[in-house]
Amino acid sequence: MVHLGALPGTPLNKLSVSDIARVAIEEAILYQEAGLDAILLENMHDI
């Protein structure tokens, strides 16, 4: 599970969309290189 940073318009948003994407890509690459089978993205921080 890749928890996306808080998205625009949500109370905890601090990052731009490009920065949120950059972090998500870094985590996804780490998981891919570690041998995980699939990746699920989720807007967990949009509380």
PDB file of all heavy atoms in Angstrom:
ATOM      1  N   MET A   1       0.837  -1.194   0.000  1.00  0.00           N
ATOM      2  CA  MET A   1       0.000   0.000   0.000  1.00  0.00           C
ATOM      3  C   MET A   1       0.873   1.246   0.000  1.00  0.00           C
ATOM      4  O   MET A   1       1.741   1.401   0.851  1.00  0.00           O
ATOM      5  CB  MET A   1      -0.905   0.000   1.234  1.00  0.00           C
ATOM      6  CG  MET A   1      -1.812   1.209   1.348  1.00  0.00           C
ATOM      7  SD  MET A   1      -3.113   1.194   0.121  1.00  0.00           S
ATOM      8  CE  MET A   1      -4.268   0.046   0.878  1.00  0.00           C
ATOM      9  N   VAL A   2       0.643   2.116  -0.975  1.00  0.00           N
ATOM     10  CA  VAL A   2       1.294   3.430  -1.012  1.00  0.00           C
ATOM     11  C   VAL A   2       0.251   4.456  -0.581  1.00  0.00           C
ATOM     12  O   VAL A   2      -0.769   4.639  -1.250  1.00  0.00           O
ATOM     13  CB  VAL A   2       1.827   3.762  -2.418  1.00  0.00           C
ATOM     14  CG1 VAL A   2       2.286   5.221  -2.489  1.00  0.00           C
ATOM     15  CG2 VAL A   2       2.984   2.831  -2.772  1.00  0.00           C
ATOM     16  N   HIS A   3       0.509   5.095   0.570  1.00  0.00           N
ATOM     17  CA  HIS A   3      -0.415   6.116   1.069  1.00  0.00           C
ATOM     18  C   HIS A   3      -0.038   7.470   0.462  1.00  0.00           C
ATOM     19  O   HIS A   3       0.981   8.048   0.834  1.00  0.00           O
ATOM     20  CB  HIS A   3      -0.336   6.198   2.598  1.00  0.00           C
ATOM     21  CG  HIS A   3      -0.681   4.924   3.288  1.00  0.00           C
ATOM     22  ND1 HIS A   3       0.164   4.303   4.190  1.00  0.00           N
ATOM     23  CD2 HIS A   3      -1.782   4.131   3.203  1.00  0.00           C
ATOM     24  CE1 HIS A   3      -0.414   3.200   4.645  1.00  0.00           C
ATOM     25  NE2 HIS A   3      -1.586   3.078   4.058  1.00  0.00           N
ATOM     26  N   LEU A   4      -0.849   7.964  -0.433  1.00  0.00           N
ATOM     27  CA  LEU A   4      -0.568   9.256  -1.060  1.00  0.00           C
ATOM     28  C   LEU A   4      -0.623  10.374  -0.019  1.00  0.00           C
ATOM     29  O   LEU A   4      -1.440  10.342   0.899  1.00  0.00           O
ATOM     30  CB  LEU A   4      -1.585   9.542  -2.163  1.00  0.00           C
ATOM     31  CG  LEU A   4      -1.669   8.529  -3.310  1.00  0.00           C
ATOM     32  CD1 LEU A   4      -2.736   8.964  -4.299  1.00  0.00           C
ATOM     33  CD2 LEU A   4      -0.320   8.364  -4.003  1.00  0.00           C
ATOM     34  N   GLY A   5       0.229  11.376  -0.192  1.00  0.00           N
ATOM     35  CA  GLY A   5       0.161  12.542   0.671  1.00  0.00           C
ATOM     36  C   GLY A   5      -1.181  13.243   0.520  1.00  0.00           C
ATOM     37  O   GLY A   5      -1.899  13.049  -0.470  1.00  0.00           O
ATOM     38  N   ALA A   6      -1.540  14.039   1.511  1.00  0.00           N
ATOM     39  CA  ALA A   6      -2.827  14.741   1.485  1.00  0.00           C
ATOM     40  C   ALA A   6      -2.969  15.542   0.195  1.00  0.00           C
ATOM     41  O   ALA A   6      -2.107  16.346  -0.155  1.00  0.00           O
ATOM     42  CB  ALA A   6      -2.947  15.655   2.697  1.00  0.00           C
ATOM     43  N   LEU A   7      -4.068  15.322  -0.499  1.00  0.00           N
ATOM     44  CA  LEU A   7      -4.286  15.913  -1.814  1.00  0.00           C
ATOM     45  C   LEU A   7      -4.861  17.330  -1.725  1.00  0.00           C
ATOM     46  O   LEU A   7      -5.371  17.745  -0.682  1.00  0.00           O
ATOM     47  CB  LEU A   7      -5.211  15.005  -2.630  1.00  0.00           C
ATOM     48  CG  LEU A   7      -4.634  13.612  -2.936  1.00  0.00           C
ATOM     49  CD1 LEU A   7      -5.704  12.697  -3.509  1.00  0.00           C
ATOM     50  CD2 LEU A   7      -3.452  13.727  -3.898  1.00  0.00           C
ATOM     51  N   PRO A   8      -4.779  18.097  -2.806  1.00  0.00           N
ATOM     52  CA  PRO A   8      -5.255  19.485  -2.800  1.00  0.00           C
ATOM     53  C   PRO A   8      -6.712  19.600  -2.338  1.00  0.00           C
ATOM     54  O   PRO A   8      -7.560  18.804  -2.736  1.00  0.00           O
ATOM     55  CB  PRO A   8      -5.119  19.901  -4.273  1.00  0.00           C
ATOM     56  CG  PRO A   8      -4.022  19.045  -4.803  1.00  0.00           C
ATOM     57  CD  PRO A   8      -4.181  17.718  -4.103  1.00  0.00           C
ATOM     58  N   GLY A   9      -6.957  20.573  -1.484  1.00  0.00           N
ATOM     59  CA  GLY A   9      -8.303  20.818  -0.990  1.00  0.00           C
ATOM     60  C   GLY A   9      -8.636  20.101   0.299  1.00  0.00           C
ATOM     61  O   GLY A   9      -9.655  20.396   0.923  1.00  0.00           O
ATOM     62  N   THR A  10      -7.782  19.148   0.726  1.00  0.00           N
ATOM     63  CA  THR A  10      -8.038  18.442   1.986  1.00  0.00           C
ATOM     64  C   THR A  10      -7.310  19.155   3.129  1.00  0.00           C
ATOM     65  O   THR A  10      -6.309  19.838   2.908  1.00  0.00           O
ATOM     66  CB  THR A  10      -7.592  16.979   1.902  1.00  0.00           C
ATOM     67  OG1 THR A  10      -6.174  16.914   1.697  1.00  0.00           O
ATOM     68  CG2 THR A  10      -8.290  16.268   0.749  1.00  0.00           C
ATOM     69  N   PRO A  11      -7.797  19.006   4.366  1.00  0.00           N
ATOM     70  CA  PRO A  11      -7.267  19.797   5.485  1.00  0.00           C
ATOM     71  C   PRO A  11      -5.768  19.694   5.725  1.00  0.00           C
ATOM     72  O   PRO A  11      -5.143  20.664   6.174  1.00  0.00           O
ATOM     73  CB  PRO A  11      -8.057  19.255   6.685  1.00  0.00           C
ATOM     74  CG  PRO A  11      -9.346  18.801   6.103  1.00  0.00           C
ATOM     75  CD  PRO A  11      -8.997  18.239   4.759  1.00  0.00           C
ATOM     76  N   LEU A  12      -5.168  18.534   5.453  1.00  0.00           N
ATOM     77  CA  LEU A  12      -3.752  18.338   5.753  1.00  0.00           C
ATOM     78  C   LEU A  12      -2.834  18.569   4.554  1.00  0.00           C
ATOM     79  O   LEU A  12      -1.629  18.328   4.651  1.00  0.00           O
ATOM     80  CB  LEU A  12      -3.525  16.918   6.302  1.00  0.00           C
ATOM     81  CG  LEU A  12      -4.245  16.581   7.619  1.00  0.00           C
ATOM     82  CD1 LEU A  12      -3.926  15.157   8.052  1.00  0.00           C
ATOM     83  CD2 LEU A  12      -3.863  17.577   8.717  1.00  0.00           C
ATOM     84  N   ASN A  13      -3.387  19.044   3.455  1.00  0.00           N
ATOM     85  CA  ASN A  13      -2.556  19.229   2.258  1.00  0.00           C
ATOM     86  C   ASN A  13      -1.458  20.266   2.474  1.00  0.00           C
ATOM     87  O   ASN A  13      -1.714  21.380   2.935  1.00  0.00           O
ATOM     88  CB  ASN A  13      -3.417  19.651   1.074  1.00  0.00           C
ATOM     89  CG  ASN A  13      -2.583  20.026  -0.142  1.00  0.00           C
ATOM     90  OD1 ASN A  13      -2.499  21.191  -0.503  1.00  0.00           O
ATOM     91  ND2 ASN A  13      -1.950  19.054  -0.750  1.00  0.00           N
ATOM     92  N   LYS A  14      -0.219  19.889   2.137  1.00  0.00           N
ATOM     93  CA  LYS A  14       0.929  20.788   2.214  1.00  0.00           C
ATOM     94  C   LYS A  14       1.778  20.725   0.950  1.00  0.00           C
ATOM     95  O   LYS A  14       2.495  21.677   0.637  1.00  0.00           O
ATOM     96  CB  LYS A  14       1.793  20.429   3.432  1.00  0.00           C
ATOM     97  CG  LYS A  14       1.109  20.639   4.770  1.00  0.00           C
ATOM     98  CD  LYS A  14       2.013  20.230   5.923  1.00  0.00           C
ATOM     99  CE  LYS A  14       1.315  20.411   7.267  1.00  0.00           C
ATOM    100  NZ  LYS A  14       2.185  19.954   8.392  1.00  0.00           N
ATOM    101  N   LEU A  15       1.720  19.613   0.238  1.00  0.00           N
ATOM    102  CA  LEU A  15       2.577  19.397  -0.919  1.00  0.00           C
ATOM    103  C   LEU A  15       1.835  19.638  -2.229  1.00  0.00           C
ATOM    104  O   LEU A  15       0.604  19.484  -2.304  1.00  0.00           O
ATOM    105  CB  LEU A  15       3.125  17.965  -0.910  1.00  0.00           C
ATOM    106  CG  LEU A  15       3.983  17.541   0.282  1.00  0.00           C
ATOM    107  CD1 LEU A  15       4.358  16.068   0.156  1.00  0.00           C
ATOM    108  CD2 LEU A  15       5.218  18.416   0.397  1.00  0.00           C
ATOM    109  N   SER A  16       2.586  19.967  -3.253  1.00  0.00           N
ATOM    110  CA  SER A  16       2.016  20.081  -4.593  1.00  0.00           C
ATOM    111  C   SER A  16       1.743  18.681  -5.138  1.00  0.00           C
ATOM    112  O   SER A  16       2.260  17.679  -4.617  1.00  0.00           O
ATOM    113  CB  SER A  16       3.000  20.786  -5.522  1.00  0.00           C
ATOM    114  OG  SER A  16       4.166  19.992  -5.704  1.00  0.00           O
ATOM    115  N   VAL A  17       0.954  18.604  -6.178  1.00  0.00           N
ATOM    116  CA  VAL A  17       0.651  17.311  -6.793  1.00  0.00           C
ATOM    117  C   VAL A  17       1.927  16.643  -7.285  1.00  0.00           C
ATOM    118  O   VAL A  17       2.121  15.434  -7.125  1.00  0.00           O
ATOM    119  CB  VAL A  17      -0.358  17.481  -7.948  1.00  0.00           C
ATOM    120  CG1 VAL A  17      -0.524  16.175  -8.722  1.00  0.00           C
ATOM    121  CG2 VAL A  17      -1.711  17.945  -7.413  1.00  0.00           C
ATOM    122  N   SER A  18       2.829  17.419  -7.860  1.00  0.00           N
ATOM    123  CA  SER A  18       4.087  16.850  -8.364  1.00  0.00           C
ATOM    124  C   SER A  18       4.933  16.283  -7.236  1.00  0.00           C
ATOM    125  O   SER A  18       5.578  15.237  -7.393  1.00  0.00           O
ATOM    126  CB  SER A  18       4.869  17.899  -9.151  1.00  0.00           C
ATOM    127  OG  SER A  18       5.190  19.015  -8.332  1.00  0.00           O
ATOM    128  N   ASP A  19       4.944  16.942  -6.069  1.00  0.00           N
ATOM    129  CA  ASP A  19       5.706  16.435  -4.932  1.00  0.00           C
ATOM    130  C   ASP A  19       5.061  15.179  -4.343  1.00  0.00           C
ATOM    131  O   ASP A  19       5.756  14.246  -3.923  1.00  0.00           O
ATOM    132  CB  ASP A  19       5.838  17.506  -3.854  1.00  0.00           C
ATOM    133  CG  ASP A  19       6.884  18.556  -4.192  1.00  0.00           C
ATOM    134  OD1 ASP A  19       7.773  18.257  -5.017  1.00  0.00           O
ATOM    135  OD2 ASP A  19       6.809  19.668  -3.639  1.00  0.00           O
ATOM    136  N   ILE A  20       3.743  15.156  -4.301  1.00  0.00           N
ATOM    137  CA  ILE A  20       3.046  13.956  -3.832  1.00  0.00           C
ATOM    138  C   ILE A  20       3.364  12.788  -4.758  1.00  0.00           C
ATOM    139  O   ILE A  20       3.628  11.661  -4.303  1.00  0.00           O
ATOM    140  CB  ILE A  20       1.518  14.203  -3.767  1.00  0.00           C
ATOM    141  CG1 ILE A  20       1.198  15.267  -2.712  1.00  0.00           C
ATOM    142  CG2 ILE A  20       0.776  12.895  -3.457  1.00  0.00           C
ATOM    143  CD1 ILE A  20      -0.241  15.742  -2.739  1.00  0.00           C
ATOM    144  N   ALA A  21       3.364  13.045  -6.050  1.00  0.00           N
ATOM    145  CA  ALA A  21       3.684  11.999  -7.034  1.00  0.00           C
ATOM    146  C   ALA A  21       5.112  11.508  -6.869  1.00  0.00           C
ATOM    147  O   ALA A  21       5.386  10.307  -6.950  1.00  0.00           O
ATOM    148  CB  ALA A  21       3.456  12.524  -8.440  1.00  0.00           C
ATOM    149  N   ARG A  22       6.035  12.442  -6.628  1.00  0.00           N
ATOM    150  CA  ARG A  22       7.444  12.065  -6.480  1.00  0.00           C
ATOM    151  C   ARG A  22       7.641  11.094  -5.321  1.00  0.00           C
ATOM    152  O   ARG A  22       8.337  10.078  -5.447  1.00  0.00           O
ATOM    153  CB  ARG A  22       8.295  13.327  -6.260  1.00  0.00           C
ATOM    154  CG  ARG A  22       9.771  13.047  -5.962  1.00  0.00           C
ATOM    155  CD  ARG A  22      10.542  14.323  -5.697  1.00  0.00           C
ATOM    156  NE  ARG A  22       9.927  15.154  -4.679  1.00  0.00           N
ATOM    157  CZ  ARG A  22      10.014  14.918  -3.366  1.00  0.00           C
ATOM    158  NH1 ARG A  22      10.695  13.862  -2.925  1.00  0.00           N
ATOM    159  NH2 ARG A  22       9.434  15.725  -2.511  1.00  0.00           N
ATOM    160  N   VAL A  23       7.016  11.389  -4.183  1.00  0.00           N
ATOM    161  CA  VAL A  23       7.129  10.519  -3.014  1.00  0.00           C
ATOM    162  C   VAL A  23       6.496   9.156  -3.301  1.00  0.00           C
ATOM    163  O   VAL A  23       7.046   8.105  -2.949  1.00  0.00           O
ATOM    164  CB  VAL A  23       6.480  11.165  -1.780  1.00  0.00           C
ATOM    165  CG1 VAL A  23       6.470  10.191  -0.602  1.00  0.00           C
ATOM    166  CG2 VAL A  23       7.212  12.448  -1.404  1.00  0.00           C
ATOM    167  N   ALA A  24       5.329   9.165  -3.945  1.00  0.00           N
ATOM    168  CA  ALA A  24       4.638   7.918  -4.268  1.00  0.00           C
ATOM    169  C   ALA A  24       5.490   7.047  -5.188  1.00  0.00           C
ATOM    170  O   ALA A  24       5.571   5.819  -5.008  1.00  0.00           O
ATOM    171  CB  ALA A  24       3.291   8.215  -4.918  1.00  0.00           C
ATOM    172  N   ILE A  25       6.129   7.671  -6.159  1.00  0.00           N
ATOM    173  CA  ILE A  25       6.987   6.929  -7.084  1.00  0.00           C
ATOM    174  C   ILE A  25       8.185   6.341  -6.354  1.00  0.00           C
ATOM    175  O   ILE A  25       8.562   5.177  -6.574  1.00  0.00           O
ATOM    176  CB  ILE A  25       7.442   7.841  -8.246  1.00  0.00           C
ATOM    177  CG1 ILE A  25       6.251   8.167  -9.149  1.00  0.00           C
ATOM    178  CG2 ILE A  25       8.560   7.183  -9.060  1.00  0.00           C
ATOM    179  CD1 ILE A  25       6.539   9.274 -10.151  1.00  0.00           C
ATOM    180  N   GLU A  26       8.794   7.116  -5.461  1.00  0.00           N
ATOM    181  CA  GLU A  26       9.939   6.622  -4.691  1.00  0.00           C
ATOM    182  C   GLU A  26       9.554   5.391  -3.877  1.00  0.00           C
ATOM    183  O   GLU A  26      10.293   4.394  -3.827  1.00  0.00           O
ATOM    184  CB  GLU A  26      10.466   7.722  -3.777  1.00  0.00           C
ATOM    185  CG  GLU A  26      11.170   8.859  -4.507  1.00  0.00           C
ATOM    186  CD  GLU A  26      11.524  10.017  -3.587  1.00  0.00           C
ATOM    187  OE1 GLU A  26      11.160   9.954  -2.390  1.00  0.00           O
ATOM    188  OE2 GLU A  26      12.176  10.971  -4.064  1.00  0.00           O
ATOM    189  N   GLU A  27       8.399   5.438  -3.217  1.00  0.00           N
ATOM    190  CA  GLU A  27       7.956   4.302  -2.412  1.00  0.00           C
ATOM    191  C   GLU A  27       7.625   3.103  -3.301  1.00  0.00           C
ATOM    192  O   GLU A  27       7.970   1.957  -2.974  1.00  0.00           O
ATOM    193  CB  GLU A  27       6.739   4.694  -1.580  1.00  0.00           C
ATOM    194  CG  GLU A  27       7.049   5.721  -0.493  1.00  0.00           C
ATOM    195  CD  GLU A  27       5.859   6.000   0.408  1.00  0.00           C
ATOM    196  OE1 GLU A  27       4.763   5.433   0.158  1.00  0.00           O
ATOM    197  OE2 GLU A  27       6.023   6.770   1.370  1.00  0.00           O
ATOM    198  N   ALA A  28       6.967   3.364  -4.419  1.00  0.00           N
ATOM    199  CA  ALA A  28       6.590   2.279  -5.323  1.00  0.00           C
ATOM    200  C   ALA A  28       7.818   1.588  -5.902  1.00  0.00           C
ATOM    201  O   ALA A  28       7.855   0.350  -6.031  1.00  0.00           O
ATOM    202  CB  ALA A  28       5.698   2.820  -6.444  1.00  0.00           C
ATOM    203  N   ILE A  29       8.828   2.354  -6.265  1.00  0.00           N
ATOM    204  CA  ILE A  29      10.070   1.773  -6.779  1.00  0.00           C
ATOM    205  C   ILE A  29      10.751   0.923  -5.711  1.00  0.00           C
ATOM    206  O   ILE A  29      11.250  -0.173  -5.985  1.00  0.00           O
ATOM    207  CB  ILE A  29      11.015   2.877  -7.289  1.00  0.00           C
ATOM    208  CG1 ILE A  29      10.456   3.497  -8.578  1.00  0.00           C
ATOM    209  CG2 ILE A  29      12.417   2.322  -7.544  1.00  0.00           C
ATOM    210  CD1 ILE A  29      11.240   4.694  -9.079  1.00  0.00           C
ATOM    211  N   LEU A  30      10.765   1.423  -4.482  1.00  0.00           N
ATOM    212  CA  LEU A  30      11.352   0.656  -3.379  1.00  0.00           C
ATOM    213  C   LEU A  30      10.636  -0.688  -3.236  1.00  0.00           C
ATOM    214  O   LEU A  30      11.288  -1.735  -3.088  1.00  0.00           O
ATOM    215  CB  LEU A  30      11.248   1.468  -2.086  1.00  0.00           C
ATOM    216  CG  LEU A  30      11.980   0.962  -0.844  1.00  0.00           C
ATOM    217  CD1 LEU A  30      12.228   2.107   0.125  1.00  0.00           C
ATOM    218  CD2 LEU A  30      11.218  -0.152  -0.123  1.00  0.00           C
ATOM    219  N   TYR A  31       9.316  -0.676  -3.279  1.00  0.00           N
ATOM    220  CA  TYR A  31       8.541  -1.905  -3.157  1.00  0.00           C
ATOM    221  C   TYR A  31       8.794  -2.841  -4.337  1.00  0.00           C
ATOM    222  O   TYR A  31       8.911  -4.062  -4.172  1.00  0.00           O
ATOM    223  CB  TYR A  31       7.050  -1.590  -3.057  1.00  0.00           C
ATOM    224  CG  TYR A  31       6.622  -0.961  -1.755  1.00  0.00           C
ATOM    225  CD1 TYR A  31       5.562  -0.057  -1.709  1.00  0.00           C
ATOM    226  CD2 TYR A  31       7.252  -1.282  -0.555  1.00  0.00           C
ATOM    227  CE1 TYR A  31       5.153   0.513  -0.513  1.00  0.00           C
ATOM    228  CE2 TYR A  31       6.857  -0.724   0.641  1.00  0.00           C
ATOM    229  CZ  TYR A  31       5.798   0.172   0.659  1.00  0.00           C
ATOM    230  OH  TYR A  31       5.395   0.733   1.840  1.00  0.00           O
ATOM    231  N   GLN A  32       8.854  -2.275  -5.520  1.00  0.00           N
ATOM    232  CA  GLN A  32       9.089  -3.087  -6.707  1.00  0.00           C
ATOM    233  C   GLN A  32      10.451  -3.781  -6.624  1.00  0.00           C
ATOM    234  O   GLN A  32      10.567  -4.983  -6.901  1.00  0.00           O
ATOM    235  CB  GLN A  32       9.016  -2.223  -7.969  1.00  0.00           C
ATOM    236  CG  GLN A  32       9.280  -2.974  -9.259  1.00  0.00           C
ATOM    237  CD  GLN A  32       8.984  -2.139 -10.479  1.00  0.00           C
ATOM    238  OE1 GLN A  32       7.908  -2.237 -11.064  1.00  0.00           O
ATOM    239  NE2 GLN A  32       9.918  -1.307 -10.893  1.00  0.00           N
ATOM    240  N   GLU A  33      11.465  -3.042  -6.229  1.00  0.00           N
ATOM    241  CA  GLU A  33      12.808  -3.608  -6.136  1.00  0.00           C
ATOM    242  C   GLU A  33      12.923  -4.624  -5.007  1.00  0.00           C
ATOM    243  O   GLU A  33      13.778  -5.519  -5.055  1.00  0.00           O
ATOM    244  CB  GLU A  33      13.820  -2.479  -5.952  1.00  0.00           C
ATOM    245  CG  GLU A  33      13.955  -1.582  -7.181  1.00  0.00           C
ATOM    246  CD  GLU A  33      14.927  -0.436  -6.982  1.00  0.00           C
ATOM    247  OE1 GLU A  33      15.312  -0.173  -5.812  1.00  0.00           O
ATOM    248  OE2 GLU A  33      15.289   0.206  -7.981  1.00  0.00           O
ATOM    249  N   ALA A  34      12.057  -4.513  -3.999  1.00  0.00           N
ATOM    250  CA  ALA A  34      12.076  -5.450  -2.874  1.00  0.00           C
ATOM    251  C   ALA A  34      11.392  -6.768  -3.207  1.00  0.00           C
ATOM    252  O   ALA A  34      11.507  -7.731  -2.438  1.00  0.00           O
ATOM    253  CB  ALA A  34      11.415  -4.822  -1.655  1.00  0.00           C
ATOM    254  N   GLY A  35      10.670  -6.816  -4.327  1.00  0.00           N
ATOM    255  CA  GLY A  35      10.055  -8.062  -4.752  1.00  0.00           C
ATOM    256  C   GLY A  35       8.579  -8.211  -4.453  1.00  0.00           C
ATOM    257  O   GLY A  35       8.039  -9.322  -4.529  1.00  0.00           O
ATOM    258  N   LEU A  36       7.890  -7.115  -4.122  1.00  0.00           N
ATOM    259  CA  LEU A  36       6.456  -7.207  -3.922  1.00  0.00           C
ATOM    260  C   LEU A  36       5.751  -7.507  -5.243  1.00  0.00           C
ATOM    261  O   LEU A  36       6.291  -7.253  -6.321  1.00  0.00           O
ATOM    262  CB  LEU A  36       5.908  -5.917  -3.298  1.00  0.00           C
ATOM    263  CG  LEU A  36       6.013  -5.854  -1.765  1.00  0.00           C
ATOM    264  CD1 LEU A  36       7.443  -5.585  -1.323  1.00  0.00           C
ATOM    265  CD2 LEU A  36       5.086  -4.785  -1.197  1.00  0.00           C
ATOM    266  N   ASP A  37       4.539  -8.039  -5.146  1.00  0.00           N
ATOM    267  CA  ASP A  37       3.840  -8.522  -6.340  1.00  0.00           C
ATOM    268  C   ASP A  37       2.938  -7.490  -7.008  1.00  0.00           C
ATOM    269  O   ASP A  37       2.611  -7.616  -8.189  1.00  0.00           O
ATOM    270  CB  ASP A  37       2.987  -9.740  -5.973  1.00  0.00           C
ATOM    271  CG  ASP A  37       3.828 -10.873  -5.417  1.00  0.00           C
ATOM    272  OD1 ASP A  37       4.667 -11.410  -6.163  1.00  0.00           O
ATOM    273  OD2 ASP A  37       3.668 -11.205  -4.230  1.00  0.00           O
ATOM    274  N   ALA A  38       2.482  -6.512  -6.255  1.00  0.00           N
ATOM    275  CA  ALA A  38       1.572  -5.497  -6.788  1.00  0.00           C
ATOM    276  C   ALA A  38       1.596  -4.292  -5.859  1.00  0.00           C
ATOM    277  O   ALA A  38       2.051  -4.393  -4.714  1.00  0.00           O
ATOM    278  CB  ALA A  38       0.148  -6.042  -6.903  1.00  0.00           C
ATOM    279  N   ILE A  39       1.102  -3.177  -6.336  1.00  0.00           N
ATOM    280  CA  ILE A  39       1.076  -1.948  -5.540  1.00  0.00           C
ATOM    281  C   ILE A  39      -0.317  -1.329  -5.601  1.00  0.00           C
ATOM    282  O   ILE A  39      -0.916  -1.221  -6.675  1.00  0.00           O
ATOM    283  CB  ILE A  39       2.139  -0.947  -6.032  1.00  0.00           C
ATOM    284  CG1 ILE A  39       3.543  -1.495  -5.725  1.00  0.00           C
ATOM    285  CG2 ILE A  39       1.944   0.428  -5.387  1.00  0.00           C
ATOM    286  CD1 ILE A  39       4.669  -0.685  -6.292  1.00  0.00           C
ATOM    287  N   LEU A  40      -0.798  -0.941  -4.434  1.00  0.00           N
ATOM    288  CA  LEU A  40      -2.117  -0.319  -4.299  1.00  0.00           C
ATOM    289  C   LEU A  40      -1.948   1.089  -3.763  1.00  0.00           C
ATOM    290  O   LEU A  40      -1.354   1.290  -2.706  1.00  0.00           O
ATOM    291  CB  LEU A  40      -2.971  -1.165  -3.348  1.00  0.00           C
ATOM    292  CG  LEU A  40      -4.352  -0.659  -2.951  1.00  0.00           C
ATOM    293  CD1 LEU A  40      -5.251  -0.509  -4.166  1.00  0.00           C
ATOM    294  CD2 LEU A  40      -4.985  -1.631  -1.948  1.00  0.00           C
ATOM    295  N   LEU A  41      -2.444   2.073  -4.494  1.00  0.00           N
ATOM    296  CA  LEU A  41      -2.383   3.470  -4.064  1.00  0.00           C
ATOM    297  C   LEU A  41      -3.684   3.844  -3.362  1.00  0.00           C
ATOM    298  O   LEU A  41      -4.759   3.364  -3.734  1.00  0.00           O
ATOM    299  CB  LEU A  41      -2.167   4.401  -5.259  1.00  0.00           C
ATOM    300  CG  LEU A  41      -0.741   4.571  -5.787  1.00  0.00           C
ATOM    301  CD1 LEU A  41      -0.215   3.267  -6.374  1.00  0.00           C
ATOM    302  CD2 LEU A  41      -0.684   5.668  -6.851  1.00  0.00           C
ATOM    303  N   GLU A  42      -3.565   4.719  -2.352  1.00  0.00           N
ATOM    304  CA  GLU A  42      -4.735   5.116  -1.564  1.00  0.00           C
ATOM    305  C   GLU A  42      -4.534   6.523  -1.015  1.00  0.00           C
ATOM    306  O   GLU A  42      -3.440   6.877  -0.586  1.00  0.00           O
ATOM    307  CB  GLU A  42      -4.914   4.122  -0.414  1.00  0.00           C
ATOM    308  CG  GLU A  42      -6.048   4.445   0.538  1.00  0.00           C
ATOM    309  CD  GLU A  42      -6.008   3.537   1.759  1.00  0.00           C
ATOM    310  OE1 GLU A  42      -5.029   3.605   2.523  1.00  0.00           O
ATOM    311  OE2 GLU A  42      -6.961   2.760   1.954  1.00  0.00           O
ATOM    312  N   ASN A  43      -5.593   7.315  -1.002  1.00  0.00           N
ATOM    313  CA  ASN A  43      -5.529   8.689  -0.487  1.00  0.00           C
ATOM    314  C   ASN A  43      -5.748   8.728   1.024  1.00  0.00           C
ATOM    315  O   ASN A  43      -6.602   9.466   1.543  1.00  0.00           O
ATOM    316  CB  ASN A  43      -6.567   9.565  -1.212  1.00  0.00           C
ATOM    317  CG  ASN A  43      -7.992   9.079  -1.017  1.00  0.00           C
ATOM    318  OD1 ASN A  43      -8.241   7.873  -0.935  1.00  0.00           O
ATOM    319  ND2 ASN A  43      -8.930  10.004  -0.967  1.00  0.00           N
ATOM    320  N   MET A  44      -4.936   7.976   1.741  1.00  0.00           N
ATOM    321  CA  MET A  44      -5.109   7.776   3.193  1.00  0.00           C
ATOM    322  C   MET A  44      -5.007   9.080   3.989  1.00  0.00           C
ATOM    323  O   MET A  44      -5.646   9.240   5.031  1.00  0.00           O
ATOM    324  CB  MET A  44      -4.050   6.787   3.685  1.00  0.00           C
ATOM    325  CG  MET A  44      -4.157   6.404   5.144  1.00  0.00           C
ATOM    326  SD  MET A  44      -5.492   5.242   5.431  1.00  0.00           S
ATOM    327  CE  MET A  44      -5.207   4.821   7.144  1.00  0.00           C
ATOM    328  N   HIS A  45      -4.203  10.022   3.511  1.00  0.00           N
ATOM    329  CA  HIS A  45      -3.967  11.247   4.278  1.00  0.00           C
ATOM    330  C   HIS A  45      -5.059  12.311   4.077  1.00  0.00           C
ATOM    331  O   HIS A  45      -4.951  13.413   4.627  1.00  0.00           O
ATOM    332  CB  HIS A  45      -2.612  11.834   3.904  1.00  0.00           C
ATOM    333  CG  HIS A  45      -1.449  11.037   4.414  1.00  0.00           C
ATOM    334  ND1 HIS A  45      -0.863  11.255   5.647  1.00  0.00           N
ATOM    335  CD2 HIS A  45      -0.771  10.006   3.859  1.00  0.00           C
ATOM    336  CE1 HIS A  45       0.144  10.404   5.822  1.00  0.00           C
ATOM    337  NE2 HIS A  45       0.212   9.636   4.756  1.00  0.00           N
ATOM    338  N   ASP A  46      -6.101  11.992   3.311  1.00  0.00           N
ATOM    339  CA  ASP A  46      -7.152  12.977   3.018  1.00  0.00           C
ATOM    340  C   ASP A  46      -8.205  13.079   4.125  1.00  0.00           C
ATOM    341  O   ASP A  46      -9.361  13.403   3.860  1.00  0.00           O
ATOM    342  CB  ASP A  46      -7.843  12.632   1.695  1.00  0.00           C
ATOM    343  CG  ASP A  46      -6.998  12.964   0.487  1.00  0.00           C
ATOM    344  OD1 ASP A  46      -5.867  13.443   0.660  1.00  0.00           O
ATOM    345  OD2 ASP A  46      -7.471  12.738  -0.641  1.00  0.00           O
ATOM    346  N   ILE A  47      -7.815  12.804   5.367  1.00  0.00           N
ATOM    347  CA  ILE A  47      -8.770  12.854   6.475  1.00  0.00           C
ATOM    348  C   ILE A  47      -9.218  14.293   6.758  1.00  0.00           C
ATOM    349  O   ILE A  47      -8.427  15.221   6.599  1.00  0.00           O
ATOM    350  CB  ILE A  47      -8.166  12.225   7.753  1.00  0.00           C
ATOM    351  CG1 ILE A  47      -6.777  12.797   8.032  1.00  0.00           C
ATOM    352  CG2 ILE A  47      -8.116  10.726   7.631  1.00  0.00           C
ATOM    353  CD1 ILE A  47      -6.144  12.274   9.307  1.00  0.00           C
TER     354      ILE A  47
END
